Amino acid sequence: MAAKKCPVCQWEIKEDGKQVKVDGKVVLVCCDECAAKVKAQPAKYINPR
């Protein structure tokens, strides 16, 4: 099974990670700092291009 990567910093997500709910979707990140970045710019991480 491949390790999950944080969409913010690309680090491996250890254990359960942190779940951030934005715009009715859940984004899994590695830490509180990345969770804050998702909350600040949700479109960047929900619909990456």
C-alpha atoms as a PDB file:
ATOM      1  CA  MET A   1       0.000   0.000   0.000  1.00  0.00           C
ATOM      2  CA  ALA A   2       1.418   3.376  -1.001  1.00  0.00           C
ATOM      3  CA  ALA A   3       1.917   5.995   1.689  1.00  0.00           C
ATOM      4  CA  LYS A   4      -0.440   8.942   1.590  1.00  0.00           C
ATOM      5  CA  LYS A   5       1.143  12.289   0.810  1.00  0.00           C
ATOM      6  CA  CYS A   6       0.082  15.627   2.260  1.00  0.00           C
ATOM      7  CA  PRO A   7      -1.345  17.826  -0.531  1.00  0.00           C
ATOM      8  CA  VAL A   8       0.299  20.893   1.021  1.00  0.00           C
ATOM      9  CA  CYS A   9       3.924  19.884   1.664  1.00  0.00           C
ATOM     10  CA  GLN A  10       4.074  16.412   0.030  1.00  0.00           C
ATOM     11  CA  TRP A  11       5.340  14.778   3.243  1.00  0.00           C
ATOM     12  CA  GLU A  12       4.147  11.296   4.145  1.00  0.00           C
ATOM     13  CA  ILE A  13       1.061  11.378   6.361  1.00  0.00           C
ATOM     14  CA  LYS A  14       1.815   9.471   9.567  1.00  0.00           C
ATOM     15  CA  GLU A  15      -0.864   7.665  11.552  1.00  0.00           C
ATOM     16  CA  ASP A  16      -4.244   9.302  10.885  1.00  0.00           C
ATOM     17  CA  GLY A  17      -3.033  12.776   9.935  1.00  0.00           C
ATOM     18  CA  LYS A  18      -5.335  15.771  10.354  1.00  0.00           C
ATOM     19  CA  GLN A  19      -8.715  16.079   8.651  1.00  0.00           C
ATOM     20  CA  VAL A  20      -9.793  19.527   7.490  1.00  0.00           C
ATOM     21  CA  LYS A  21     -13.399  20.116   6.398  1.00  0.00           C
ATOM     22  CA  VAL A  22     -13.803  22.898   3.841  1.00  0.00           C
ATOM     23  CA  ASP A  23     -16.566  23.519   1.326  1.00  0.00           C
ATOM     24  CA  GLY A  24     -18.243  20.243   2.319  1.00  0.00           C
ATOM     25  CA  LYS A  25     -15.128  18.195   1.524  1.00  0.00           C
ATOM     26  CA  VAL A  26     -12.518  16.588   3.746  1.00  0.00           C
ATOM     27  CA  VAL A  27      -8.823  17.125   3.043  1.00  0.00           C
ATOM     28  CA  LEU A  28      -6.290  14.917   4.845  1.00  0.00           C
ATOM     29  CA  VAL A  29      -3.023  16.663   5.758  1.00  0.00           C
ATOM     30  CA  CYS A  30       0.012  15.824   7.893  1.00  0.00           C
ATOM     31  CA  CYS A  31      -0.039  18.538  10.574  1.00  0.00           C
ATOM     32  CA  ASP A  32      -1.770  21.572  12.083  1.00  0.00           C
ATOM     33  CA  GLU A  33       0.362  23.976  10.028  1.00  0.00           C
ATOM     34  CA  CYS A  34      -0.768  22.378   6.756  1.00  0.00           C
ATOM     35  CA  ALA A  35      -4.363  22.301   8.031  1.00  0.00           C
ATOM     36  CA  ALA A  36      -4.193  26.080   8.525  1.00  0.00           C
ATOM     37  CA  LYS A  37      -2.914  26.528   4.974  1.00  0.00           C
ATOM     38  CA  VAL A  38      -5.832  24.491   3.589  1.00  0.00           C
ATOM     39  CA  LYS A  39      -8.306  26.592   5.575  1.00  0.00           C
ATOM     40  CA  ALA A  40      -6.686  29.793   4.283  1.00  0.00           C
ATOM     41  CA  GLN A  41      -6.705  28.708   0.597  1.00  0.00           C
ATOM     42  CA  PRO A  42      -9.138  25.789   0.230  1.00  0.00           C
ATOM     43  CA  ALA A  43      -9.516  26.021  -3.574  1.00  0.00           C
ATOM     44  CA  LYS A  44      -5.779  25.495  -4.014  1.00  0.00           C
ATOM     45  CA  TYR A  45      -5.911  22.104  -2.259  1.00  0.00           C
ATOM     46  CA  ILE A  46      -9.428  20.868  -3.055  1.00  0.00           C
ATOM     47  CA  ASN A  47      -9.122  21.388  -6.811  1.00  0.00           C
ATOM     48  CA  PRO A  48      -5.392  21.241  -7.531  1.00  0.00           C
ATOM     49  CA  ARG A  49      -4.278  22.028 -11.096  1.00  0.00           C
END
